Amino acid sequence: MRFDTLHLDHIGIRVTDLATAEAFYAKLGFLRDP
């Protein structure tokens, strides 16, 4: 059987503090998806 991978869904990044990491990635343009 064969399947096609369509695209990358997401990248998982382990962090120690959500608020600190979220503020950093917000500077790069990433915002929380509720």
PDB file of all heavy atoms in Angstrom:
ATOM      1  N   MET A   1       0.839  -1.175   0.000  1.00  0.00           N
ATOM      2  CA  MET A   1       0.000   0.000   0.000  1.00  0.00           C
ATOM      3  C   MET A   1       0.887   1.242   0.000  1.00  0.00           C
ATOM      4  O   MET A   1       1.925   1.275   0.627  1.00  0.00           O
ATOM      5  CB  MET A   1      -0.912   0.000   1.231  1.00  0.00           C
ATOM      6  CG  MET A   1      -1.778   1.211   1.333  1.00  0.00           C
ATOM      7  SD  MET A   1      -2.934   1.045   2.709  1.00  0.00           S
ATOM      8  CE  MET A   1      -4.113   2.225   2.216  1.00  0.00           C
ATOM      9  N   ARG A   2       0.447   2.284  -0.681  1.00  0.00           N
ATOM     10  CA  ARG A   2       1.187   3.536  -0.778  1.00  0.00           C
ATOM     11  C   ARG A   2       0.282   4.678  -0.332  1.00  0.00           C
ATOM     12  O   ARG A   2      -0.927   4.622  -0.515  1.00  0.00           O
ATOM     13  CB  ARG A   2       1.619   3.754  -2.221  1.00  0.00           C
ATOM     14  CG  ARG A   2       2.445   4.984  -2.418  1.00  0.00           C
ATOM     15  CD  ARG A   2       2.946   5.052  -3.870  1.00  0.00           C
ATOM     16  NE  ARG A   2       3.790   6.198  -4.009  1.00  0.00           N
ATOM     17  CZ  ARG A   2       3.347   7.412  -4.343  1.00  0.00           C
ATOM     18  NH1 ARG A   2       2.081   7.615  -4.585  1.00  0.00           N
ATOM     19  NH2 ARG A   2       4.181   8.419  -4.439  1.00  0.00           N
ATOM     20  N   PHE A   3       0.877   5.704   0.248  1.00  0.00           N
ATOM     21  CA  PHE A   3       0.105   6.898   0.601  1.00  0.00           C
ATOM     22  C   PHE A   3       0.929   8.130   0.258  1.00  0.00           C
ATOM     23  O   PHE A   3       2.147   8.057   0.141  1.00  0.00           O
ATOM     24  CB  PHE A   3      -0.288   6.897   2.080  1.00  0.00           C
ATOM     25  CG  PHE A   3       0.881   7.061   3.009  1.00  0.00           C
ATOM     26  CD1 PHE A   3       1.245   8.321   3.467  1.00  0.00           C
ATOM     27  CD2 PHE A   3       1.605   5.967   3.428  1.00  0.00           C
ATOM     28  CE1 PHE A   3       2.326   8.481   4.312  1.00  0.00           C
ATOM     29  CE2 PHE A   3       2.683   6.111   4.278  1.00  0.00           C
ATOM     30  CZ  PHE A   3       3.046   7.372   4.726  1.00  0.00           C
ATOM     31  N   ASP A   4       0.270   9.254   0.096  1.00  0.00           N
ATOM     32  CA  ASP A   4       0.938  10.507  -0.207  1.00  0.00           C
ATOM     33  C   ASP A   4       0.900  11.423   1.004  1.00  0.00           C
ATOM     34  O   ASP A   4      -0.158  11.638   1.592  1.00  0.00           O
ATOM     35  CB  ASP A   4       0.254  11.221  -1.382  1.00  0.00           C
ATOM     36  CG  ASP A   4       0.426  10.459  -2.684  1.00  0.00           C
ATOM     37  OD1 ASP A   4       1.519   9.898  -2.887  1.00  0.00           O
ATOM     38  OD2 ASP A   4      -0.525  10.425  -3.480  1.00  0.00           O
ATOM     39  N   THR A   5       2.051  11.940   1.373  1.00  0.00           N
ATOM     40  CA  THR A   5       2.120  12.969   2.413  1.00  0.00           C
ATOM     41  C   THR A   5       1.884  14.303   1.723  1.00  0.00           C
ATOM     42  O   THR A   5       2.573  14.636   0.763  1.00  0.00           O
ATOM     43  CB  THR A   5       3.486  12.949   3.114  1.00  0.00           C
ATOM     44  OG1 THR A   5       3.659  11.663   3.710  1.00  0.00           O
ATOM     45  CG2 THR A   5       3.578  14.030   4.170  1.00  0.00           C
ATOM     46  N   LEU A   6       0.918  15.070   2.196  1.00  0.00           N
ATOM     47  CA  LEU A   6       0.516  16.294   1.521  1.00  0.00           C
ATOM     48  C   LEU A   6       1.377  17.485   1.896  1.00  0.00           C
ATOM     49  O   LEU A   6       1.767  18.261   1.035  1.00  0.00           O
ATOM     50  CB  LEU A   6      -0.954  16.588   1.812  1.00  0.00           C
ATOM     51  CG  LEU A   6      -1.918  15.475   1.400  1.00  0.00           C
ATOM     52  CD1 LEU A   6      -3.343  15.836   1.810  1.00  0.00           C
ATOM     53  CD2 LEU A   6      -1.836  15.236  -0.093  1.00  0.00           C
ATOM     54  N   HIS A   7       1.652  17.675   3.186  1.00  0.00           N
ATOM     55  CA  HIS A   7       2.505  18.766   3.644  1.00  0.00           C
ATOM     56  C   HIS A   7       2.755  18.606   5.138  1.00  0.00           C
ATOM     57  O   HIS A   7       2.136  17.778   5.801  1.00  0.00           O
ATOM     58  CB  HIS A   7       1.899  20.142   3.333  1.00  0.00           C
ATOM     59  CG  HIS A   7       0.522  20.351   3.898  1.00  0.00           C
ATOM     60  ND1 HIS A   7       0.302  20.731   5.203  1.00  0.00           N
ATOM     61  CD2 HIS A   7      -0.702  20.216   3.344  1.00  0.00           C
ATOM     62  CE1 HIS A   7      -0.998  20.821   5.418  1.00  0.00           C
ATOM     63  NE2 HIS A   7      -1.630  20.515   4.310  1.00  0.00           N
ATOM     64  N   LEU A   8       3.662  19.399   5.649  1.00  0.00           N
ATOM     65  CA  LEU A   8       3.960  19.381   7.072  1.00  0.00           C
ATOM     66  C   LEU A   8       2.811  20.043   7.818  1.00  0.00           C
ATOM     67  O   LEU A   8       2.368  21.129   7.454  1.00  0.00           O
ATOM     68  CB  LEU A   8       5.260  20.151   7.333  1.00  0.00           C
ATOM     69  CG  LEU A   8       5.758  20.190   8.769  1.00  0.00           C
ATOM     70  CD1 LEU A   8       6.194  18.806   9.221  1.00  0.00           C
ATOM     71  CD2 LEU A   8       6.920  21.165   8.886  1.00  0.00           C
ATOM     72  N   ASP A   9       2.314  19.406   8.863  1.00  0.00           N
ATOM     73  CA  ASP A   9       1.199  19.959   9.632  1.00  0.00           C
ATOM     74  C   ASP A   9       1.675  20.975  10.664  1.00  0.00           C
ATOM     75  O   ASP A   9       1.180  22.080  10.719  1.00  0.00           O
ATOM     76  CB  ASP A   9       0.422  18.839  10.321  1.00  0.00           C
ATOM     77  CG  ASP A   9      -0.766  19.377  11.097  1.00  0.00           C
ATOM     78  OD1 ASP A   9      -1.650  19.985  10.466  1.00  0.00           O
ATOM     79  OD2 ASP A   9      -0.797  19.203  12.330  1.00  0.00           O
ATOM     80  N   HIS A  10       2.624  20.587  11.506  1.00  0.00           N
ATOM     81  CA  HIS A  10       3.143  21.503  12.519  1.00  0.00           C
ATOM     82  C   HIS A  10       4.484  20.990  13.036  1.00  0.00           C
ATOM     83  O   HIS A  10       4.861  19.860  12.773  1.00  0.00           O
ATOM     84  CB  HIS A  10       2.152  21.690  13.683  1.00  0.00           C
ATOM     85  CG  HIS A  10       1.952  20.467  14.511  1.00  0.00           C
ATOM     86  ND1 HIS A  10       0.993  19.521  14.205  1.00  0.00           N
ATOM     87  CD2 HIS A  10       2.579  20.018  15.629  1.00  0.00           C
ATOM     88  CE1 HIS A  10       1.040  18.552  15.097  1.00  0.00           C
ATOM     89  NE2 HIS A  10       2.000  18.825  15.971  1.00  0.00           N
ATOM     90  N   ILE A  11       5.163  21.848  13.768  1.00  0.00           N
ATOM     91  CA  ILE A  11       6.418  21.495  14.423  1.00  0.00           C
ATOM     92  C   ILE A  11       6.159  21.578  15.924  1.00  0.00           C
ATOM     93  O   ILE A  11       5.628  22.581  16.408  1.00  0.00           O
ATOM     94  CB  ILE A  11       7.533  22.481  14.022  1.00  0.00           C
ATOM     95  CG1 ILE A  11       7.773  22.422  12.515  1.00  0.00           C
ATOM     96  CG2 ILE A  11       8.820  22.198  14.793  1.00  0.00           C
ATOM     97  CD1 ILE A  11       8.565  23.593  11.975  1.00  0.00           C
ATOM     98  N   GLY A  12       6.498  20.545  16.661  1.00  0.00           N
ATOM     99  CA  GLY A  12       6.354  20.544  18.116  1.00  0.00           C
ATOM    100  C   GLY A  12       7.648  20.996  18.762  1.00  0.00           C
ATOM    101  O   GLY A  12       8.720  20.498  18.431  1.00  0.00           O
ATOM    102  N   ILE A  13       7.539  21.961  19.683  1.00  0.00           N
ATOM    103  CA  ILE A  13       8.716  22.522  20.346  1.00  0.00           C
ATOM    104  C   ILE A  13       8.491  22.451  21.854  1.00  0.00           C
ATOM    105  O   ILE A  13       7.560  23.052  22.376  1.00  0.00           O
ATOM    106  CB  ILE A  13       8.955  23.980  19.907  1.00  0.00           C
ATOM    107  CG1 ILE A  13       9.128  24.043  18.372  1.00  0.00           C
ATOM    108  CG2 ILE A  13      10.162  24.566  20.626  1.00  0.00           C
ATOM    109  CD1 ILE A  13       9.147  25.454  17.822  1.00  0.00           C
ATOM    110  N   ARG A  14       9.342  21.693  22.550  1.00  0.00           N
ATOM    111  CA  ARG A  14       9.209  21.563  24.006  1.00  0.00           C
ATOM    112  C   ARG A  14       9.803  22.801  24.678  1.00  0.00           C
ATOM    113  O   ARG A  14      10.907  23.229  24.346  1.00  0.00           O
ATOM    114  CB  ARG A  14       9.904  20.305  24.510  1.00  0.00           C
ATOM    115  CG  ARG A  14       9.801  20.174  26.026  1.00  0.00           C
ATOM    116  CD  ARG A  14      10.104  18.779  26.527  1.00  0.00           C
ATOM    117  NE  ARG A  14       8.941  17.939  26.271  1.00  0.00           N
ATOM    118  CZ  ARG A  14       8.968  16.824  25.530  1.00  0.00           C
ATOM    119  NH1 ARG A  14      10.084  16.416  24.990  1.00  0.00           N
ATOM    120  NH2 ARG A  14       7.877  16.123  25.348  1.00  0.00           N
ATOM    121  N   VAL A  15       9.045  23.371  25.616  1.00  0.00           N
ATOM    122  CA  VAL A  15       9.462  24.579  26.334  1.00  0.00           C
ATOM    123  C   VAL A  15       9.218  24.390  27.828  1.00  0.00           C
ATOM    124  O   VAL A  15       8.478  23.491  28.231  1.00  0.00           O
ATOM    125  CB  VAL A  15       8.709  25.833  25.810  1.00  0.00           C
ATOM    126  CG1 VAL A  15       8.991  26.054  24.323  1.00  0.00           C
ATOM    127  CG2 VAL A  15       7.205  25.736  26.048  1.00  0.00           C
ATOM    128  N   THR A  16       9.822  25.267  28.625  1.00  0.00           N
ATOM    129  CA  THR A  16       9.649  25.168  30.077  1.00  0.00           C
ATOM    130  C   THR A  16       8.523  26.057  30.591  1.00  0.00           C
ATOM    131  O   THR A  16       7.895  25.730  31.595  1.00  0.00           O
ATOM    132  CB  THR A  16      10.948  25.546  30.818  1.00  0.00           C
ATOM    133  OG1 THR A  16      11.353  26.848  30.409  1.00  0.00           O
ATOM    134  CG2 THR A  16      12.056  24.550  30.526  1.00  0.00           C
ATOM    135  N   ASP A  17       8.280  27.190  29.931  1.00  0.00           N
ATOM    136  CA  ASP A  17       7.276  28.131  30.409  1.00  0.00           C
ATOM    137  C   ASP A  17       6.442  28.625  29.229  1.00  0.00           C
ATOM    138  O   ASP A  17       6.982  29.248  28.296  1.00  0.00           O
ATOM    139  CB  ASP A  17       7.957  29.319  31.102  1.00  0.00           C
ATOM    140  CG  ASP A  17       6.952  30.319  31.637  1.00  0.00           C
ATOM    141  OD1 ASP A  17       6.298  30.010  32.650  1.00  0.00           O
ATOM    142  OD2 ASP A  17       6.801  31.387  31.020  1.00  0.00           O
ATOM    143  N   LEU A  18       5.152  28.356  29.268  1.00  0.00           N
ATOM    144  CA  LEU A  18       4.278  28.696  28.151  1.00  0.00           C
ATOM    145  C   LEU A  18       4.252  30.197  27.883  1.00  0.00           C
ATOM    146  O   LEU A  18       4.395  30.628  26.731  1.00  0.00           O
ATOM    147  CB  LEU A  18       2.861  28.175  28.379  1.00  0.00           C
ATOM    148  CG  LEU A  18       1.841  28.536  27.290  1.00  0.00           C
ATOM    149  CD1 LEU A  18       2.271  27.993  25.933  1.00  0.00           C
ATOM    150  CD2 LEU A  18       0.463  28.043  27.677  1.00  0.00           C
ATOM    151  N   ALA A  19       4.089  31.016  28.902  1.00  0.00           N
ATOM    152  CA  ALA A  19       3.968  32.462  28.691  1.00  0.00           C
ATOM    153  C   ALA A  19       5.231  33.047  28.056  1.00  0.00           C
ATOM    154  O   ALA A  19       5.153  33.854  27.123  1.00  0.00           O
ATOM    155  CB  ALA A  19       3.662  33.166  30.013  1.00  0.00           C
ATOM    156  N   THR A  20       6.399  32.632  28.529  1.00  0.00           N
ATOM    157  CA  THR A  20       7.661  33.131  27.979  1.00  0.00           C
ATOM    158  C   THR A  20       7.821  32.699  26.527  1.00  0.00           C
ATOM    159  O   THR A  20       8.170  33.507  25.662  1.00  0.00           O
ATOM    160  CB  THR A  20       8.844  32.619  28.821  1.00  0.00           C
ATOM    161  OG1 THR A  20       8.675  33.068  30.173  1.00  0.00           O
ATOM    162  CG2 THR A  20      10.171  33.105  28.277  1.00  0.00           C
ATOM    163  N   ALA A  21       7.566  31.431  26.246  1.00  0.00           N
ATOM    164  CA  ALA A  21       7.702  30.924  24.881  1.00  0.00           C
ATOM    165  C   ALA A  21       6.679  31.558  23.956  1.00  0.00           C
ATOM    166  O   ALA A  21       7.006  31.945  22.822  1.00  0.00           O
ATOM    167  CB  ALA A  21       7.562  29.402  24.876  1.00  0.00           C
ATOM    168  N   GLU A  22       5.453  31.679  24.417  1.00  0.00           N
ATOM    169  CA  GLU A  22       4.403  32.261  23.578  1.00  0.00           C
ATOM    170  C   GLU A  22       4.731  33.713  23.232  1.00  0.00           C
ATOM    171  O   GLU A  22       4.536  34.140  22.091  1.00  0.00           O
ATOM    172  CB  GLU A  22       3.057  32.160  24.298  1.00  0.00           C
ATOM    173  CG  GLU A  22       1.878  32.413  23.408  1.00  0.00           C
ATOM    174  CD  GLU A  22       0.547  32.073  24.060  1.00  0.00           C
ATOM    175  OE1 GLU A  22       0.499  31.714  25.264  1.00  0.00           O
ATOM    176  OE2 GLU A  22      -0.466  32.174  23.361  1.00  0.00           O
ATOM    177  N   ALA A  23       5.280  34.460  24.168  1.00  0.00           N
ATOM    178  CA  ALA A  23       5.665  35.856  23.902  1.00  0.00           C
ATOM    179  C   ALA A  23       6.795  35.917  22.875  1.00  0.00           C
ATOM    180  O   ALA A  23       6.788  36.764  21.977  1.00  0.00           O
ATOM    181  CB  ALA A  23       6.085  36.541  25.203  1.00  0.00           C
ATOM    182  N   PHE A  24       7.769  35.017  22.977  1.00  0.00           N
ATOM    183  CA  PHE A  24       8.872  34.983  22.018  1.00  0.00           C
ATOM    184  C   PHE A  24       8.363  34.668  20.622  1.00  0.00           C
ATOM    185  O   PHE A  24       8.684  35.361  19.660  1.00  0.00           O
ATOM    186  CB  PHE A  24       9.922  33.941  22.448  1.00  0.00           C
ATOM    187  CG  PHE A  24      11.025  33.771  21.453  1.00  0.00           C
ATOM    188  CD1 PHE A  24      12.113  34.623  21.464  1.00  0.00           C
ATOM    189  CD2 PHE A  24      10.976  32.760  20.498  1.00  0.00           C
ATOM    190  CE1 PHE A  24      13.148  34.479  20.541  1.00  0.00           C
ATOM    191  CE2 PHE A  24      11.998  32.614  19.563  1.00  0.00           C
ATOM    192  CZ  PHE A  24      13.083  33.463  19.587  1.00  0.00           C
ATOM    193  N   TYR A  25       7.562  33.608  20.495  1.00  0.00           N
ATOM    194  CA  TYR A  25       7.082  33.202  19.167  1.00  0.00           C
ATOM    195  C   TYR A  25       6.080  34.204  18.596  1.00  0.00           C
ATOM    196  O   TYR A  25       5.967  34.331  17.370  1.00  0.00           O
ATOM    197  CB  TYR A  25       6.543  31.770  19.204  1.00  0.00           C
ATOM    198  CG  TYR A  25       7.684  30.778  19.265  1.00  0.00           C
ATOM    199  CD1 TYR A  25       8.117  30.245  20.472  1.00  0.00           C
ATOM    200  CD2 TYR A  25       8.368  30.422  18.109  1.00  0.00           C
ATOM    201  CE1 TYR A  25       9.194  29.376  20.532  1.00  0.00           C
ATOM    202  CE2 TYR A  25       9.447  29.545  18.157  1.00  0.00           C
ATOM    203  CZ  TYR A  25       9.856  29.030  19.369  1.00  0.00           C
ATOM    204  OH  TYR A  25      10.930  28.166  19.418  1.00  0.00           O
ATOM    205  N   ALA A  26       5.394  34.953  19.458  1.00  0.00           N
ATOM    206  CA  ALA A  26       4.509  36.020  18.972  1.00  0.00           C
ATOM    207  C   ALA A  26       5.329  37.091  18.251  1.00  0.00           C
ATOM    208  O   ALA A  26       4.878  37.659  17.252  1.00  0.00           O
ATOM    209  CB  ALA A  26       3.719  36.628  20.118  1.00  0.00           C
ATOM    210  N   LYS A  27       6.547  37.364  18.732  1.00  0.00           N
ATOM    211  CA  LYS A  27       7.428  38.314  18.035  1.00  0.00           C
ATOM    212  C   LYS A  27       7.728  37.845  16.614  1.00  0.00           C
ATOM    213  O   LYS A  27       7.939  38.659  15.726  1.00  0.00           O
ATOM    214  CB  LYS A  27       8.746  38.489  18.797  1.00  0.00           C
ATOM    215  CG  LYS A  27       8.636  39.223  20.091  1.00  0.00           C
ATOM    216  CD  LYS A  27      10.018  39.352  20.708  1.00  0.00           C
ATOM    217  CE  LYS A  27       9.984  40.042  22.036  1.00  0.00           C
ATOM    218  NZ  LYS A  27      11.343  40.199  22.597  1.00  0.00           N
ATOM    219  N   LEU A  28       7.766  36.527  16.416  1.00  0.00           N
ATOM    220  CA  LEU A  28       8.025  35.959  15.093  1.00  0.00           C
ATOM    221  C   LEU A  28       6.752  35.847  14.262  1.00  0.00           C
ATOM    222  O   LEU A  28       6.790  35.366  13.128  1.00  0.00           O
ATOM    223  CB  LEU A  28       8.678  34.581  15.227  1.00  0.00           C
ATOM    224  CG  LEU A  28      10.035  34.551  15.926  1.00  0.00           C
ATOM    225  CD1 LEU A  28      10.512  33.108  16.078  1.00  0.00           C
ATOM    226  CD2 LEU A  28      11.070  35.382  15.182  1.00  0.00           C
ATOM    227  N   GLY A  29       5.622  36.271  14.817  1.00  0.00           N
ATOM    228  CA  GLY A  29       4.366  36.280  14.078  1.00  0.00           C
ATOM    229  C   GLY A  29       3.415  35.140  14.383  1.00  0.00           C
ATOM    230  O   GLY A  29       2.353  35.042  13.787  1.00  0.00           O
ATOM    231  N   PHE A  30       3.780  34.253  15.323  1.00  0.00           N
ATOM    232  CA  PHE A  30       2.931  33.120  15.672  1.00  0.00           C
ATOM    233  C   PHE A  30       1.984  33.510  16.800  1.00  0.00           C
ATOM    234  O   PHE A  30       2.430  33.956  17.851  1.00  0.00           O
ATOM    235  CB  PHE A  30       3.775  31.926  16.122  1.00  0.00           C
ATOM    236  CG  PHE A  30       4.568  31.290  15.022  1.00  0.00           C
ATOM    237  CD1 PHE A  30       5.852  31.729  14.726  1.00  0.00           C
ATOM    238  CD2 PHE A  30       4.035  30.251  14.288  1.00  0.00           C
ATOM    239  CE1 PHE A  30       6.590  31.140  13.717  1.00  0.00           C
ATOM    240  CE2 PHE A  30       4.762  29.651  13.275  1.00  0.00           C
ATOM    241  CZ  PHE A  30       6.045  30.101  12.983  1.00  0.00           C
ATOM    242  N   LEU A  31       0.693  33.320  16.589  1.00  0.00           N
ATOM    243  CA  LEU A  31      -0.308  33.653  17.603  1.00  0.00           C
ATOM    244  C   LEU A  31      -1.096  32.413  17.985  1.00  0.00           C
ATOM    245  O   LEU A  31      -1.277  31.494  17.178  1.00  0.00           O
ATOM    246  CB  LEU A  31      -1.235  34.743  17.079  1.00  0.00           C
ATOM    247  CG  LEU A  31      -0.545  36.074  16.726  1.00  0.00           C
ATOM    248  CD1 LEU A  31      -1.546  37.047  16.140  1.00  0.00           C
ATOM    249  CD2 LEU A  31       0.166  36.661  17.932  1.00  0.00           C
ATOM    250  N   ARG A  32      -1.606  32.416  19.198  1.00  0.00           N
ATOM    251  CA  ARG A  32      -2.343  31.265  19.711  1.00  0.00           C
ATOM    252  C   ARG A  32      -3.575  30.981  18.861  1.00  0.00           C
ATOM    253  O   ARG A  32      -4.331  31.866  18.518  1.00  0.00           O
ATOM    254  CB  ARG A  32      -2.769  31.499  21.153  1.00  0.00           C
ATOM    255  CG  ARG A  32      -3.454  30.274  21.768  1.00  0.00           C
ATOM    256  CD  ARG A  32      -3.930  30.502  23.160  1.00  0.00           C
ATOM    257  NE  ARG A  32      -2.802  30.579  24.079  1.00  0.00           N
ATOM    258  CZ  ARG A  32      -2.919  30.401  25.384  1.00  0.00           C
ATOM    259  NH1 ARG A  32      -4.101  30.176  25.928  1.00  0.00           N
ATOM    260  NH2 ARG A  32      -1.853  30.482  26.158  1.00  0.00           N
ATOM    261  N   ASP A  33      -3.753  29.699  18.563  1.00  0.00           N
ATOM    262  CA  ASP A  33      -4.962  29.215  17.916  1.00  0.00           C
ATOM    263  C   ASP A  33      -5.840  28.649  19.034  1.00  0.00           C
ATOM    264  O   ASP A  33      -5.534  27.589  19.580  1.00  0.00           O
ATOM    265  CB  ASP A  33      -4.622  28.127  16.897  1.00  0.00           C
ATOM    266  CG  ASP A  33      -5.835  27.557  16.196  1.00  0.00           C
ATOM    267  OD1 ASP A  33      -6.981  27.809  16.651  1.00  0.00           O
ATOM    268  OD2 ASP A  33      -5.654  26.847  15.200  1.00  0.00           O
ATOM    269  N   PRO A  34      -6.921  29.375  19.402  1.00  0.00           N
ATOM    270  CA  PRO A  34      -7.742  28.916  20.536  1.00  0.00           C
ATOM    271  C   PRO A  34      -8.258  27.487  20.377  1.00  0.00           C
ATOM    272  O   PRO A  34      -8.468  26.789  21.363  1.00  0.00           O
ATOM    273  CB  PRO A  34      -8.902  29.917  20.564  1.00  0.00           C
ATOM    274  CG  PRO A  34      -8.406  31.106  19.830  1.00  0.00           C
ATOM    275  CD  PRO A  34      -7.429  30.594  18.806  1.00  0.00           C
TER     276      PRO A  34
END
